[in-house]
Amino acid sequence: ETLRYSLEQWDGKGKAYGLKSEDVPIASRILHIAQVLGVAHSFGG
């Protein structure tokens, strides 16, 4: 389930299913932010 919803956004404008805020499983929200911020860190610290 975490992987299924890993591209969702807090505001509901996610790329796959359009889930919003608390409807996105917490583990998916954590995975999403970790992926994006991990890439940002690798490019700019």
ModelCIF file with pLDDT and N, C-alpha, C, O atoms, coordinates in Angstrom:
data_MODEL
#
_entry.id   MODEL 
#
_entity.id                         1 
_entity.type                       polymer 
_entity.pdbx_number_of_molecules   1 
#
_entity_poly.entity_id                      1 
_entity_poly.type                           'polypeptide(L)' 
_entity_poly.nstd_linkage                   no 
_entity_poly.nstd_monomer                   no 
_entity_poly.pdbx_seq_one_letter_code       ETLRYSLEQWDGKGKAYGLKSEDVPIASRILHIAQVLGVAHSFGG 
_entity_poly.pdbx_seq_one_letter_code_can   ETLRYSLEQWDGKGKAYGLKSEDVPIASRILHIAQVLGVAHSFGG 
_entity_poly.pdbx_strand_id                 A 
#
loop_
_entity_poly_seq.entity_id 
_entity_poly_seq.num 
_entity_poly_seq.mon_id 
_entity_poly_seq.hetero 
1 1  GLU n 
1 2  THR n 
1 3  LEU n 
1 4  ARG n 
1 5  TYR n 
1 6  SER n 
1 7  LEU n 
1 8  GLU n 
1 9  GLN n 
1 10 TRP n 
1 11 ASP n 
1 12 GLY n 
1 13 LYS n 
1 14 GLY n 
1 15 LYS n 
1 16 ALA n 
1 17 TYR n 
1 18 GLY n 
1 19 LEU n 
1 20 LYS n 
1 21 SER n 
1 22 GLU n 
1 23 ASP n 
1 24 VAL n 
1 25 PRO n 
1 26 ILE n 
1 27 ALA n 
1 28 SER n 
1 29 ARG n 
1 30 ILE n 
1 31 LEU n 
1 32 HIS n 
1 33 ILE n 
1 34 ALA n 
1 35 GLN n 
1 36 VAL n 
1 37 LEU n 
1 38 GLY n 
1 39 VAL n 
1 40 ALA n 
1 41 HIS n 
1 42 SER n 
1 43 PHE n 
1 44 GLY n 
1 45 GLY n 
#
_struct_asym.id          A 
_struct_asym.entity_id   1 
#
loop_
_ma_qa_metric.id 
_ma_qa_metric.mode 
_ma_qa_metric.name 
_ma_qa_metric.software_group_id 
_ma_qa_metric.type 
1 global pLDDT . pLDDT 
2 local  pLDDT . pLDDT 
#
_ma_qa_metric_global.metric_id      1 
_ma_qa_metric_global.metric_value   90.78 
_ma_qa_metric_global.model_id       1 
_ma_qa_metric_global.ordinal_id     1 
#
loop_
_ma_qa_metric_local.label_asym_id 
_ma_qa_metric_local.label_comp_id 
_ma_qa_metric_local.label_seq_id 
_ma_qa_metric_local.metric_id 
_ma_qa_metric_local.metric_value 
_ma_qa_metric_local.model_id 
_ma_qa_metric_local.ordinal_id 
A GLU 1  2 95.00 1 1  
A THR 2  2 93.00 1 2  
A LEU 3  2 94.00 1 3  
A ARG 4  2 93.00 1 4  
A TYR 5  2 94.00 1 5  
A SER 6  2 90.00 1 6  
A LEU 7  2 90.00 1 7  
A GLU 8  2 92.00 1 8  
A GLN 9  2 91.00 1 9  
A TRP 10 2 95.00 1 10 
A ASP 11 2 93.00 1 11 
A GLY 12 2 90.00 1 12 
A LYS 13 2 87.00 1 13 
A GLY 14 2 81.00 1 14 
A LYS 15 2 77.00 1 15 
A ALA 16 2 84.00 1 16 
A TYR 17 2 86.00 1 17 
A GLY 18 2 85.00 1 18 
A LEU 19 2 91.00 1 19 
A LYS 20 2 94.00 1 20 
A SER 21 2 95.00 1 21 
A GLU 22 2 94.00 1 22 
A ASP 23 2 95.00 1 23 
A VAL 24 2 95.00 1 24 
A PRO 25 2 95.00 1 25 
A ILE 26 2 96.00 1 26 
A ALA 27 2 95.00 1 27 
A SER 28 2 95.00 1 28 
A ARG 29 2 95.00 1 29 
A ILE 30 2 96.00 1 30 
A LEU 31 2 93.00 1 31 
A HIS 32 2 92.00 1 32 
A ILE 33 2 94.00 1 33 
A ALA 34 2 94.00 1 34 
A GLN 35 2 89.00 1 35 
A VAL 36 2 89.00 1 36 
A LEU 37 2 91.00 1 37 
A GLY 38 2 91.00 1 38 
A VAL 39 2 88.00 1 39 
A ALA 40 2 88.00 1 40 
A HIS 41 2 88.00 1 41 
A SER 42 2 87.00 1 42 
A PHE 43 2 84.00 1 43 
A GLY 44 2 84.00 1 44 
A GLY 45 2 87.00 1 45 
#
loop_
_atom_site.group_PDB 
_atom_site.id 
_atom_site.type_symbol 
_atom_site.label_atom_id 
_atom_site.label_alt_id 
_atom_site.label_comp_id 
_atom_site.label_asym_id 
_atom_site.label_entity_id 
_atom_site.label_seq_id 
_atom_site.pdbx_PDB_ins_code 
_atom_site.Cartn_x 
_atom_site.Cartn_y 
_atom_site.Cartn_z 
_atom_site.occupancy 
_atom_site.B_iso_or_equiv 
_atom_site.pdbx_formal_charge 
_atom_site.auth_seq_id 
_atom_site.auth_comp_id 
_atom_site.auth_asym_id 
_atom_site.auth_atom_id 
_atom_site.pdbx_PDB_model_num 
ATOM 1   N N  . GLU A 1 1  ? 0.834  -1.212 0.000   1.00 95.00 ? 1  GLU A N  1 
ATOM 2   C CA . GLU A 1 1  ? 0.000  0.000  0.000   1.00 95.00 ? 1  GLU A CA 1 
ATOM 3   C C  . GLU A 1 1  ? 0.866  1.258  0.000   1.00 95.00 ? 1  GLU A C  1 
ATOM 4   O O  . GLU A 1 1  ? 0.554  2.226  -0.694  1.00 95.00 ? 1  GLU A O  1 
ATOM 5   N N  . THR A 1 2  ? 1.940  1.249  0.768   1.00 93.00 ? 2  THR A N  1 
ATOM 6   C CA . THR A 1 2  ? 2.846  2.398  0.814   1.00 93.00 ? 2  THR A CA 1 
ATOM 7   C C  . THR A 1 2  ? 3.372  2.724  -0.578  1.00 93.00 ? 2  THR A C  1 
ATOM 8   O O  . THR A 1 2  ? 3.404  3.887  -0.981  1.00 93.00 ? 2  THR A O  1 
ATOM 9   N N  . LEU A 1 3  ? 3.777  1.708  -1.299  1.00 94.00 ? 3  LEU A N  1 
ATOM 10  C CA . LEU A 1 3  ? 4.296  1.913  -2.653  1.00 94.00 ? 3  LEU A CA 1 
ATOM 11  C C  . LEU A 1 3  ? 3.209  2.377  -3.609  1.00 94.00 ? 3  LEU A C  1 
ATOM 12  O O  . LEU A 1 3  ? 3.458  3.214  -4.476  1.00 94.00 ? 3  LEU A O  1 
ATOM 13  N N  . ARG A 1 4  ? 2.010  1.838  -3.456  1.00 93.00 ? 4  ARG A N  1 
ATOM 14  C CA . ARG A 1 4  ? 0.904  2.210  -4.343  1.00 93.00 ? 4  ARG A CA 1 
ATOM 15  C C  . ARG A 1 4  ? 0.628  3.716  -4.300  1.00 93.00 ? 4  ARG A C  1 
ATOM 16  O O  . ARG A 1 4  ? 0.339  4.322  -5.331  1.00 93.00 ? 4  ARG A O  1 
ATOM 17  N N  . TYR A 1 5  ? 0.715  4.313  -3.123  1.00 94.00 ? 5  TYR A N  1 
ATOM 18  C CA . TYR A 1 5  ? 0.349  5.721  -2.967  1.00 94.00 ? 5  TYR A CA 1 
ATOM 19  C C  . TYR A 1 5  ? 1.554  6.643  -2.764  1.00 94.00 ? 5  TYR A C  1 
ATOM 20  O O  . TYR A 1 5  ? 1.397  7.752  -2.254  1.00 94.00 ? 5  TYR A O  1 
ATOM 21  N N  . SER A 1 6  ? 2.738  6.207  -3.149  1.00 90.00 ? 6  SER A N  1 
ATOM 22  C CA . SER A 1 6  ? 3.953  6.964  -2.872  1.00 90.00 ? 6  SER A CA 1 
ATOM 23  C C  . SER A 1 6  ? 4.114  8.238  -3.709  1.00 90.00 ? 6  SER A C  1 
ATOM 24  O O  . SER A 1 6  ? 4.981  9.055  -3.398  1.00 90.00 ? 6  SER A O  1 
ATOM 25  N N  . LEU A 1 7  ? 3.322  8.429  -4.743  1.00 90.00 ? 7  LEU A N  1 
ATOM 26  C CA . LEU A 1 7  ? 3.419  9.652  -5.552  1.00 90.00 ? 7  LEU A CA 1 
ATOM 27  C C  . LEU A 1 7  ? 2.293  10.643 -5.251  1.00 90.00 ? 7  LEU A C  1 
ATOM 28  O O  . LEU A 1 7  ? 2.144  11.644 -5.952  1.00 90.00 ? 7  LEU A O  1 
ATOM 29  N N  . GLU A 1 8  ? 1.506  10.372 -4.216  1.00 92.00 ? 8  GLU A N  1 
ATOM 30  C CA . GLU A 1 8  ? 0.424  11.290 -3.862  1.00 92.00 ? 8  GLU A CA 1 
ATOM 31  C C  . GLU A 1 8  ? 0.981  12.527 -3.163  1.00 92.00 ? 8  GLU A C  1 
ATOM 32  O O  . GLU A 1 8  ? 2.056  12.481 -2.565  1.00 92.00 ? 8  GLU A O  1 
ATOM 33  N N  . GLN A 1 9  ? 0.244  13.625 -3.244  1.00 91.00 ? 9  GLN A N  1 
ATOM 34  C CA . GLN A 1 9  ? 0.642  14.879 -2.626  1.00 91.00 ? 9  GLN A CA 1 
ATOM 35  C C  . GLN A 1 9  ? -0.363 15.268 -1.554  1.00 91.00 ? 9  GLN A C  1 
ATOM 36  O O  . GLN A 1 9  ? -1.530 14.879 -1.609  1.00 91.00 ? 9  GLN A O  1 
ATOM 37  N N  . TRP A 1 10 ? 0.098  16.031 -0.588  1.00 95.00 ? 10 TRP A N  1 
ATOM 38  C CA . TRP A 1 10 ? -0.739 16.476 0.516   1.00 95.00 ? 10 TRP A CA 1 
ATOM 39  C C  . TRP A 1 10 ? -1.965 17.247 0.025   1.00 95.00 ? 10 TRP A C  1 
ATOM 40  O O  . TRP A 1 10 ? -3.050 17.104 0.589   1.00 95.00 ? 10 TRP A O  1 
ATOM 41  N N  . ASP A 1 11 ? -1.802 18.058 -1.015  1.00 93.00 ? 11 ASP A N  1 
ATOM 42  C CA . ASP A 1 11 ? -2.888 18.912 -1.506  1.00 93.00 ? 11 ASP A CA 1 
ATOM 43  C C  . ASP A 1 11 ? -3.829 18.204 -2.491  1.00 93.00 ? 11 ASP A C  1 
ATOM 44  O O  . ASP A 1 11 ? -4.739 18.830 -3.035  1.00 93.00 ? 11 ASP A O  1 
ATOM 45  N N  . GLY A 1 12 ? -3.613 16.917 -2.719  1.00 90.00 ? 12 GLY A N  1 
ATOM 46  C CA . GLY A 1 12 ? -4.494 16.165 -3.608  1.00 90.00 ? 12 GLY A CA 1 
ATOM 47  C C  . GLY A 1 12 ? -4.135 16.259 -5.073  1.00 90.00 ? 12 GLY A C  1 
ATOM 48  O O  . GLY A 1 12 ? -4.855 15.727 -5.917  1.00 90.00 ? 12 GLY A O  1 
ATOM 49  N N  . LYS A 1 13 ? -3.041 16.921 -5.394  1.00 87.00 ? 13 LYS A N  1 
ATOM 50  C CA . LYS A 1 13 ? -2.636 17.069 -6.790  1.00 87.00 ? 13 LYS A CA 1 
ATOM 51  C C  . LYS A 1 13 ? -1.566 16.052 -7.162  1.00 87.00 ? 13 LYS A C  1 
ATOM 52  O O  . LYS A 1 13 ? -0.705 16.316 -8.001  1.00 87.00 ? 13 LYS A O  1 
ATOM 53  N N  . GLY A 1 14 ? -1.635 14.886 -6.526  1.00 81.00 ? 14 GLY A N  1 
ATOM 54  C CA . GLY A 1 14 ? -0.661 13.828 -6.775  1.00 81.00 ? 14 GLY A CA 1 
ATOM 55  C C  . GLY A 1 14 ? -0.751 13.303 -8.185  1.00 81.00 ? 14 GLY A C  1 
ATOM 56  O O  . GLY A 1 14 ? -1.713 13.553 -8.911  1.00 81.00 ? 14 GLY A O  1 
ATOM 57  N N  . LYS A 1 15 ? 0.272  12.572 -8.550  1.00 77.00 ? 15 LYS A N  1 
ATOM 58  C CA . LYS A 1 15 ? 0.404  12.135 -9.929  1.00 77.00 ? 15 LYS A CA 1 
ATOM 59  C C  . LYS A 1 15 ? -0.431 10.912 -10.277 1.00 77.00 ? 15 LYS A C  1 
ATOM 60  O O  . LYS A 1 15 ? -0.722 10.688 -11.452 1.00 77.00 ? 15 LYS A O  1 
ATOM 61  N N  . ALA A 1 16 ? -0.821 10.119 -9.294  1.00 84.00 ? 16 ALA A N  1 
ATOM 62  C CA . ALA A 1 16 ? -1.465 8.851  -9.632  1.00 84.00 ? 16 ALA A CA 1 
ATOM 63  C C  . ALA A 1 16 ? -2.961 8.822  -9.307  1.00 84.00 ? 16 ALA A C  1 
ATOM 64  O O  . ALA A 1 16 ? -3.781 8.700  -10.217 1.00 84.00 ? 16 ALA A O  1 
ATOM 65  N N  . TYR A 1 17 ? -3.322 8.929  -8.050  1.00 86.00 ? 17 TYR A N  1 
ATOM 66  C CA . TYR A 1 17 ? -4.718 8.697  -7.657  1.00 86.00 ? 17 TYR A CA 1 
ATOM 67  C C  . TYR A 1 17 ? -5.446 9.941  -7.150  1.00 86.00 ? 17 TYR A C  1 
ATOM 68  O O  . TYR A 1 17 ? -6.672 9.923  -7.039  1.00 86.00 ? 17 TYR A O  1 
ATOM 69  N N  . GLY A 1 18 ? -4.741 10.996 -6.848  1.00 85.00 ? 18 GLY A N  1 
ATOM 70  C CA . GLY A 1 18 ? -5.373 12.222 -6.386  1.00 85.00 ? 18 GLY A CA 1 
ATOM 71  C C  . GLY A 1 18 ? -5.876 12.179 -4.960  1.00 85.00 ? 18 GLY A C  1 
ATOM 72  O O  . GLY A 1 18 ? -6.759 12.957 -4.598  1.00 85.00 ? 18 GLY A O  1 
ATOM 73  N N  . LEU A 1 19 ? -5.333 11.280 -4.132  1.00 91.00 ? 19 LEU A N  1 
ATOM 74  C CA . LEU A 1 19 ? -5.708 11.272 -2.720  1.00 91.00 ? 19 LEU A CA 1 
ATOM 75  C C  . LEU A 1 19 ? -5.196 12.543 -2.060  1.00 91.00 ? 19 LEU A C  1 
ATOM 76  O O  . LEU A 1 19 ? -4.223 13.139 -2.521  1.00 91.00 ? 19 LEU A O  1 
ATOM 77  N N  . LYS A 1 20 ? -5.853 12.957 -0.978  1.00 94.00 ? 20 LYS A N  1 
ATOM 78  C CA . LYS A 1 20 ? -5.520 14.224 -0.339  1.00 94.00 ? 20 LYS A CA 1 
ATOM 79  C C  . LYS A 1 20 ? -5.321 14.064 1.165   1.00 94.00 ? 20 LYS A C  1 
ATOM 80  O O  . LYS A 1 20 ? -6.015 13.278 1.809   1.00 94.00 ? 20 LYS A O  1 
ATOM 81  N N  . SER A 1 21 ? -4.399 14.791 1.703   1.00 95.00 ? 21 SER A N  1 
ATOM 82  C CA . SER A 1 21 ? -4.070 14.916 3.117   1.00 95.00 ? 21 SER A CA 1 
ATOM 83  C C  . SER A 1 21 ? -4.102 13.573 3.850   1.00 95.00 ? 21 SER A C  1 
ATOM 84  O O  . SER A 1 21 ? -3.352 12.660 3.503   1.00 95.00 ? 21 SER A O  1 
ATOM 85  N N  . GLU A 1 22 ? -4.956 13.450 4.849   1.00 94.00 ? 22 GLU A N  1 
ATOM 86  C CA . GLU A 1 22 ? -4.981 12.249 5.690   1.00 94.00 ? 22 GLU A CA 1 
ATOM 87  C C  . GLU A 1 22 ? -5.431 10.998 4.936   1.00 94.00 ? 22 GLU A C  1 
ATOM 88  O O  . GLU A 1 22 ? -5.263 9.888  5.441   1.00 94.00 ? 22 GLU A O  1 
ATOM 89  N N  . ASP A 1 23 ? -5.996 11.155 3.741   1.00 95.00 ? 23 ASP A N  1 
ATOM 90  C CA . ASP A 1 23 ? -6.378 9.979  2.947   1.00 95.00 ? 23 ASP A CA 1 
ATOM 91  C C  . ASP A 1 23 ? -5.156 9.246  2.401   1.00 95.00 ? 23 ASP A C  1 
ATOM 92  O O  . ASP A 1 23 ? -5.233 8.063  2.069   1.00 95.00 ? 23 ASP A O  1 
ATOM 93  N N  . VAL A 1 24 ? -4.034 9.947  2.308   1.00 95.00 ? 24 VAL A N  1 
ATOM 94  C CA . VAL A 1 24 ? -2.788 9.321  1.871   1.00 95.00 ? 24 VAL A CA 1 
ATOM 95  C C  . VAL A 1 24 ? -2.191 8.625  3.096   1.00 95.00 ? 24 VAL A C  1 
ATOM 96  O O  . VAL A 1 24 ? -1.987 9.269  4.125   1.00 95.00 ? 24 VAL A O  1 
ATOM 97  N N  . PRO A 1 25 ? -1.913 7.341  3.007   1.00 95.00 ? 25 PRO A N  1 
ATOM 98  C CA . PRO A 1 25 ? -1.337 6.649  4.159   1.00 95.00 ? 25 PRO A CA 1 
ATOM 99  C C  . PRO A 1 25 ? -0.052 7.350  4.635   1.00 95.00 ? 25 PRO A C  1 
ATOM 100 O O  . PRO A 1 25 ? 0.748  7.821  3.827   1.00 95.00 ? 25 PRO A O  1 
ATOM 101 N N  . ILE A 1 26 ? 0.124  7.408  5.954   1.00 96.00 ? 26 ILE A N  1 
ATOM 102 C CA . ILE A 1 26 ? 1.271  8.111  6.528   1.00 96.00 ? 26 ILE A CA 1 
ATOM 103 C C  . ILE A 1 26 ? 2.593  7.552  5.992   1.00 96.00 ? 26 ILE A C  1 
ATOM 104 O O  . ILE A 1 26 ? 3.521  8.314  5.724   1.00 96.00 ? 26 ILE A O  1 
ATOM 105 N N  . ALA A 1 27 ? 2.682  6.253  5.838   1.00 95.00 ? 27 ALA A N  1 
ATOM 106 C CA . ALA A 1 27 ? 3.934  5.674  5.322   1.00 95.00 ? 27 ALA A CA 1 
ATOM 107 C C  . ALA A 1 27 ? 4.219  6.163  3.905   1.00 95.00 ? 27 ALA A C  1 
ATOM 108 O O  . ALA A 1 27 ? 5.380  6.365  3.549   1.00 95.00 ? 27 ALA A O  1 
ATOM 109 N N  . SER A 1 28 ? 3.189  6.357  3.098   1.00 95.00 ? 28 SER A N  1 
ATOM 110 C CA . SER A 1 28 ? 3.369  6.867  1.736   1.00 95.00 ? 28 SER A CA 1 
ATOM 111 C C  . SER A 1 28 ? 3.818  8.320  1.766   1.00 95.00 ? 28 SER A C  1 
ATOM 112 O O  . SER A 1 28 ? 4.651  8.735  0.960   1.00 95.00 ? 28 SER A O  1 
ATOM 113 N N  . ARG A 1 29 ? 3.261  9.096  2.703   1.00 95.00 ? 29 ARG A N  1 
ATOM 114 C CA . ARG A 1 29 ? 3.673  10.497 2.829   1.00 95.00 ? 29 ARG A CA 1 
ATOM 115 C C  . ARG A 1 29 ? 5.143  10.588 3.238   1.00 95.00 ? 29 ARG A C  1 
ATOM 116 O O  . ARG A 1 29 ? 5.887  11.430 2.736   1.00 95.00 ? 29 ARG A O  1 
ATOM 117 N N  . ILE A 1 30 ? 5.545  9.719  4.147   1.00 96.00 ? 30 ILE A N  1 
ATOM 118 C CA . ILE A 1 30 ? 6.943  9.707  4.590   1.00 96.00 ? 30 ILE A CA 1 
ATOM 119 C C  . ILE A 1 30 ? 7.856  9.284  3.442   1.00 96.00 ? 30 ILE A C  1 
ATOM 120 O O  . ILE A 1 30 ? 8.895  9.906  3.218   1.00 96.00 ? 30 ILE A O  1 
ATOM 121 N N  . LEU A 1 31 ? 7.484  8.240  2.718   1.00 93.00 ? 31 LEU A N  1 
ATOM 122 C CA . LEU A 1 31 ? 8.291  7.784  1.591   1.00 93.00 ? 31 LEU A CA 1 
ATOM 123 C C  . LEU A 1 31 ? 8.427  8.888  0.545   1.00 93.00 ? 31 LEU A C  1 
ATOM 124 O O  . LEU A 1 31 ? 9.519  9.120  0.026   1.00 93.00 ? 31 LEU A O  1 
ATOM 125 N N  . HIS A 1 32 ? 7.331  9.564  0.237   1.00 92.00 ? 32 HIS A N  1 
ATOM 126 C CA . HIS A 1 32 ? 7.347  10.619 -0.784  1.00 92.00 ? 32 HIS A CA 1 
ATOM 127 C C  . HIS A 1 32 ? 8.304  11.747 -0.405  1.00 92.00 ? 32 HIS A C  1 
ATOM 128 O O  . HIS A 1 32 ? 9.143  12.153 -1.209  1.00 92.00 ? 32 HIS A O  1 
ATOM 129 N N  . ILE A 1 33 ? 8.177  12.242 0.807   1.00 94.00 ? 33 ILE A N  1 
ATOM 130 C CA . ILE A 1 33 ? 9.048  13.356 1.220   1.00 94.00 ? 33 ILE A CA 1 
ATOM 131 C C  . ILE A 1 33 ? 10.504 12.893 1.286   1.00 94.00 ? 33 ILE A C  1 
ATOM 132 O O  . ILE A 1 33 ? 11.409 13.651 0.937   1.00 94.00 ? 33 ILE A O  1 
ATOM 133 N N  . ALA A 1 34 ? 10.734 11.665 1.727   1.00 94.00 ? 34 ALA A N  1 
ATOM 134 C CA . ALA A 1 34 ? 12.103 11.149 1.814   1.00 94.00 ? 34 ALA A CA 1 
ATOM 135 C C  . ALA A 1 34 ? 12.738 11.031 0.431   1.00 94.00 ? 34 ALA A C  1 
ATOM 136 O O  . ALA A 1 34 ? 13.912 11.357 0.257   1.00 94.00 ? 34 ALA A O  1 
ATOM 137 N N  . GLN A 1 35 ? 11.972 10.567 -0.548  1.00 89.00 ? 35 GLN A N  1 
ATOM 138 C CA . GLN A 1 35 ? 12.502 10.436 -1.906  1.00 89.00 ? 35 GLN A CA 1 
ATOM 139 C C  . GLN A 1 35 ? 12.877 11.797 -2.478  1.00 89.00 ? 35 GLN A C  1 
ATOM 140 O O  . GLN A 1 35 ? 13.979 11.973 -2.998  1.00 89.00 ? 35 GLN A O  1 
ATOM 141 N N  . VAL A 1 36 ? 11.971 12.751 -2.383  1.00 89.00 ? 36 VAL A N  1 
ATOM 142 C CA . VAL A 1 36 ? 12.215 14.072 -2.970  1.00 89.00 ? 36 VAL A CA 1 
ATOM 143 C C  . VAL A 1 36 ? 13.357 14.785 -2.260  1.00 89.00 ? 36 VAL A C  1 
ATOM 144 O O  . VAL A 1 36 ? 14.243 15.343 -2.906  1.00 89.00 ? 36 VAL A O  1 
ATOM 145 N N  . LEU A 1 37 ? 13.337 14.766 -0.934  1.00 91.00 ? 37 LEU A N  1 
ATOM 146 C CA . LEU A 1 37 ? 14.380 15.479 -0.195  1.00 91.00 ? 37 LEU A CA 1 
ATOM 147 C C  . LEU A 1 37 ? 15.728 14.765 -0.300  1.00 91.00 ? 37 LEU A C  1 
ATOM 148 O O  . LEU A 1 37 ? 16.778 15.401 -0.201  1.00 91.00 ? 37 LEU A O  1 
ATOM 149 N N  . GLY A 1 38 ? 15.701 13.465 -0.496  1.00 91.00 ? 38 GLY A N  1 
ATOM 150 C CA . GLY A 1 38 ? 16.952 12.739 -0.729  1.00 91.00 ? 38 GLY A CA 1 
ATOM 151 C C  . GLY A 1 38 ? 17.623 13.188 -2.020  1.00 91.00 ? 38 GLY A C  1 
ATOM 152 O O  . GLY A 1 38 ? 18.838 13.378 -2.065  1.00 91.00 ? 38 GLY A O  1 
ATOM 153 N N  . VAL A 1 39 ? 16.827 13.355 -3.063  1.00 88.00 ? 39 VAL A N  1 
ATOM 154 C CA . VAL A 1 39 ? 17.362 13.841 -4.341  1.00 88.00 ? 39 VAL A CA 1 
ATOM 155 C C  . VAL A 1 39 ? 17.860 15.274 -4.191  1.00 88.00 ? 39 VAL A C  1 
ATOM 156 O O  . VAL A 1 39 ? 18.943 15.613 -4.667  1.00 88.00 ? 39 VAL A O  1 
ATOM 157 N N  . ALA A 1 40 ? 17.063 16.120 -3.523  1.00 88.00 ? 40 ALA A N  1 
ATOM 158 C CA . ALA A 1 40 ? 17.480 17.509 -3.310  1.00 88.00 ? 40 ALA A CA 1 
ATOM 159 C C  . ALA A 1 40 ? 18.803 17.563 -2.549  1.00 88.00 ? 40 ALA A C  1 
ATOM 160 O O  . ALA A 1 40 ? 19.690 18.346 -2.888  1.00 88.00 ? 40 ALA A O  1 
ATOM 161 N N  . HIS A 1 41 ? 18.926 16.734 -1.529  1.00 88.00 ? 41 HIS A N  1 
ATOM 162 C CA . HIS A 1 41 ? 20.164 16.696 -0.740  1.00 88.00 ? 41 HIS A CA 1 
ATOM 163 C C  . HIS A 1 41 ? 21.350 16.259 -1.588  1.00 88.00 ? 41 HIS A C  1 
ATOM 164 O O  . HIS A 1 41 ? 22.445 16.806 -1.454  1.00 88.00 ? 41 HIS A O  1 
ATOM 165 N N  . SER A 1 42 ? 21.140 15.281 -2.459  1.00 87.00 ? 42 SER A N  1 
ATOM 166 C CA . SER A 1 42 ? 22.256 14.799 -3.273  1.00 87.00 ? 42 SER A CA 1 
ATOM 167 C C  . SER A 1 42 ? 22.744 15.853 -4.265  1.00 87.00 ? 42 SER A C  1 
ATOM 168 O O  . SER A 1 42 ? 23.913 15.849 -4.651  1.00 87.00 ? 42 SER A O  1 
ATOM 169 N N  . PHE A 1 43 ? 21.858 16.751 -4.676  1.00 84.00 ? 43 PHE A N  1 
ATOM 170 C CA . PHE A 1 43 ? 22.253 17.798 -5.618  1.00 84.00 ? 43 PHE A CA 1 
ATOM 171 C C  . PHE A 1 43 ? 22.730 19.071 -4.940  1.00 84.00 ? 43 PHE A C  1 
ATOM 172 O O  . PHE A 1 43 ? 23.607 19.762 -5.458  1.00 84.00 ? 43 PHE A O  1 
ATOM 173 N N  . GLY A 1 44 ? 22.147 19.391 -3.763  1.00 84.00 ? 44 GLY A N  1 
ATOM 174 C CA . GLY A 1 44 ? 22.463 20.681 -3.160  1.00 84.00 ? 44 GLY A CA 1 
ATOM 175 C C  . GLY A 1 44 ? 22.714 20.667 -1.669  1.00 84.00 ? 44 GLY A C  1 
ATOM 176 O O  . GLY A 1 44 ? 22.821 21.725 -1.049  1.00 84.00 ? 44 GLY A O  1 
ATOM 177 N N  . GLY A 1 45 ? 22.811 19.482 -1.079  1.00 87.00 ? 45 GLY A N  1 
ATOM 178 C CA . GLY A 1 45 ? 23.108 19.406 0.343   1.00 87.00 ? 45 GLY A CA 1 
ATOM 179 C C  . GLY A 1 45 ? 21.908 19.715 1.230   1.00 87.00 ? 45 GLY A C  1 
ATOM 180 O O  . GLY A 1 45 ? 22.022 19.686 2.455   1.00 87.00 ? 45 GLY A O  1 
#
